[in-house]
């Protein structure tokens, strides 16, 4: 058996595009999909509302989110870790 145990919770990695709500961030997740007929790769994206308990994330941060129980009408994800912080100019 391998030493790593596979996680059963669904996780995604995306970029924070809005942090205007209290304890909630909007995360944009982009994925590349090959067109079935033409073979060209297309970038598809989805936005998810995720729970940020610390309320410390800023726009541009790359975060990992995991599926959780419904926390509100639109919020069913929680931020598990910060992959990369945004560069301040």
C-alpha atoms as a PDB file:
ATOM      1  CA  UNK A   1       0.000   0.000   0.000  1.00  0.00           C
ATOM      2  CA  UNK A   2       1.131   3.519  -0.617  1.00  0.00           C
ATOM      3  CA  UNK A   3       2.004   5.783   2.314  1.00  0.00           C
ATOM      4  CA  UNK A   4      -0.258   8.620   1.201  1.00  0.00           C
ATOM      5  CA  UNK A   5      -3.951   8.286   1.881  1.00  0.00           C
ATOM      6  CA  UNK A   6      -6.187   9.728  -0.811  1.00  0.00           C
ATOM      7  CA  UNK A   7      -8.479  12.503   0.393  1.00  0.00           C
ATOM      8  CA  UNK A   8     -12.183  11.795   0.062  1.00  0.00           C
ATOM      9  CA  UNK A   9     -13.242  15.444   0.130  1.00  0.00           C
ATOM     10  CA  UNK A  10     -13.379  17.318  -3.170  1.00  0.00           C
ATOM     11  CA  UNK A  11     -10.762  20.062  -3.420  1.00  0.00           C
ATOM     12  CA  UNK A  12     -10.145  22.780  -6.000  1.00  0.00           C
ATOM     13  CA  UNK A  13      -7.442  25.428  -6.455  1.00  0.00           C
ATOM     14  CA  UNK A  14      -8.345  28.923  -7.632  1.00  0.00           C
ATOM     15  CA  UNK A  15      -7.741  32.655  -7.353  1.00  0.00           C
ATOM     16  CA  UNK A  16      -9.594  35.018  -4.998  1.00  0.00           C
ATOM     17  CA  UNK A  17     -11.442  37.615  -7.073  1.00  0.00           C
ATOM     18  CA  UNK A  18     -13.549  39.240  -4.316  1.00  0.00           C
ATOM     19  CA  UNK A  19     -13.243  39.589  -0.545  1.00  0.00           C
ATOM     20  CA  UNK A  20     -15.895  42.243   0.013  1.00  0.00           C
ATOM     21  CA  UNK A  21     -18.179  39.996   2.089  1.00  0.00           C
ATOM     22  CA  UNK A  22     -17.639  39.184   5.742  1.00  0.00           C
ATOM     23  CA  UNK A  23     -15.866  35.835   6.227  1.00  0.00           C
ATOM     24  CA  UNK A  24     -16.550  34.919   2.588  1.00  0.00           C
ATOM     25  CA  UNK A  25     -14.388  35.063  -0.526  1.00  0.00           C
ATOM     26  CA  UNK A  26     -15.241  34.468  -4.172  1.00  0.00           C
ATOM     27  CA  UNK A  27     -12.805  32.029  -5.786  1.00  0.00           C
ATOM     28  CA  UNK A  28     -12.394  31.725  -9.567  1.00  0.00           C
ATOM     29  CA  UNK A  29     -11.412  28.183 -10.608  1.00  0.00           C
ATOM     30  CA  UNK A  30     -10.152  27.772 -14.171  1.00  0.00           C
ATOM     31  CA  UNK A  31      -9.708  24.481 -16.010  1.00  0.00           C
ATOM     32  CA  UNK A  32      -8.490  23.582 -19.492  1.00  0.00           C
ATOM     33  CA  UNK A  33     -10.820  21.402 -21.576  1.00  0.00           C
ATOM     34  CA  UNK A  34     -10.072  19.950 -24.986  1.00  0.00           C
ATOM     35  CA  UNK A  35     -12.734  20.704 -27.604  1.00  0.00           C
ATOM     36  CA  UNK A  36     -14.321  17.404 -28.691  1.00  0.00           C
ATOM     37  CA  UNK A  37     -14.269  18.155 -32.439  1.00  0.00           C
ATOM     38  CA  UNK A  38     -11.471  20.646 -33.084  1.00  0.00           C
ATOM     39  CA  UNK A  39      -9.008  19.578 -30.416  1.00  0.00           C
ATOM     40  CA  UNK A  40      -8.259  23.134 -29.288  1.00  0.00           C
ATOM     41  CA  UNK A  41      -7.893  23.692 -25.545  1.00  0.00           C
ATOM     42  CA  UNK A  42     -10.471  26.065 -24.059  1.00  0.00           C
ATOM     43  CA  UNK A  43     -10.273  27.690 -20.617  1.00  0.00           C
ATOM     44  CA  UNK A  44     -13.525  27.189 -18.713  1.00  0.00           C
ATOM     45  CA  UNK A  45     -14.096  28.864 -15.358  1.00  0.00           C
ATOM     46  CA  UNK A  46     -16.472  28.697 -12.402  1.00  0.00           C
ATOM     47  CA  UNK A  47     -16.858  30.971  -9.384  1.00  0.00           C
ATOM     48  CA  UNK A  48     -17.421  29.566  -5.903  1.00  0.00           C
ATOM     49  CA  UNK A  49     -18.209  31.286  -2.602  1.00  0.00           C
ATOM     50  CA  UNK A  50     -15.935  29.916   0.116  1.00  0.00           C
ATOM     51  CA  UNK A  51     -15.875  30.406   3.881  1.00  0.00           C
ATOM     52  CA  UNK A  52     -12.805  32.282   5.154  1.00  0.00           C
ATOM     53  CA  UNK A  53     -12.882  32.072   8.964  1.00  0.00           C
ATOM     54  CA  UNK A  54      -9.845  34.334   9.463  1.00  0.00           C
ATOM     55  CA  UNK A  55     -11.116  37.011   7.045  1.00  0.00           C
ATOM     56  CA  UNK A  56      -7.485  37.661   6.075  1.00  0.00           C
ATOM     57  CA  UNK A  57      -7.429  36.782   2.356  1.00  0.00           C
ATOM     58  CA  UNK A  58      -6.953  39.427  -0.312  1.00  0.00           C
ATOM     59  CA  UNK A  59      -7.774  39.588  -3.995  1.00  0.00           C
ATOM     60  CA  UNK A  60      -5.224  37.752  -6.125  1.00  0.00           C
ATOM     61  CA  UNK A  61      -4.354  35.113  -3.522  1.00  0.00           C
ATOM     62  CA  UNK A  62      -4.285  31.537  -4.810  1.00  0.00           C
ATOM     63  CA  UNK A  63      -6.141  29.255  -2.386  1.00  0.00           C
ATOM     64  CA  UNK A  64      -7.284  25.669  -2.067  1.00  0.00           C
ATOM     65  CA  UNK A  65     -10.963  25.144  -1.238  1.00  0.00           C
ATOM     66  CA  UNK A  66     -12.697  21.986  -0.040  1.00  0.00           C
ATOM     67  CA  UNK A  67     -16.337  20.990  -0.240  1.00  0.00           C
ATOM     68  CA  UNK A  68     -18.260  21.209   3.043  1.00  0.00           C
ATOM     69  CA  UNK A  69     -21.786  21.249   4.350  1.00  0.00           C
ATOM     70  CA  UNK A  70     -23.965  24.154   3.174  1.00  0.00           C
ATOM     71  CA  UNK A  71     -23.071  27.262   5.200  1.00  0.00           C
ATOM     72  CA  UNK A  72     -25.506  29.586   3.411  1.00  0.00           C
ATOM     73  CA  UNK A  73     -27.596  29.636   0.251  1.00  0.00           C
ATOM     74  CA  UNK A  74     -24.560  29.934  -2.042  1.00  0.00           C
ATOM     75  CA  UNK A  75     -21.650  28.960   0.223  1.00  0.00           C
ATOM     76  CA  UNK A  76     -20.732  25.254   0.331  1.00  0.00           C
ATOM     77  CA  UNK A  77     -16.921  25.491   0.234  1.00  0.00           C
ATOM     78  CA  UNK A  78     -14.284  26.345   2.860  1.00  0.00           C
ATOM     79  CA  UNK A  79     -10.748  27.651   2.363  1.00  0.00           C
ATOM     80  CA  UNK A  80      -8.307  24.972   3.524  1.00  0.00           C
ATOM     81  CA  UNK A  81      -4.950  26.583   2.733  1.00  0.00           C
ATOM     82  CA  UNK A  82      -3.294  29.508   0.997  1.00  0.00           C
ATOM     83  CA  UNK A  83      -1.158  28.268  -1.887  1.00  0.00           C
ATOM     84  CA  UNK A  84       0.301  31.642  -2.849  1.00  0.00           C
ATOM     85  CA  UNK A  85      -0.227  35.207  -1.677  1.00  0.00           C
ATOM     86  CA  UNK A  86      -0.750  38.075  -4.111  1.00  0.00           C
ATOM     87  CA  UNK A  87       2.181  40.320  -4.967  1.00  0.00           C
ATOM     88  CA  UNK A  88       1.634  43.853  -3.615  1.00  0.00           C
ATOM     89  CA  UNK A  89       2.700  46.579  -6.044  1.00  0.00           C
END
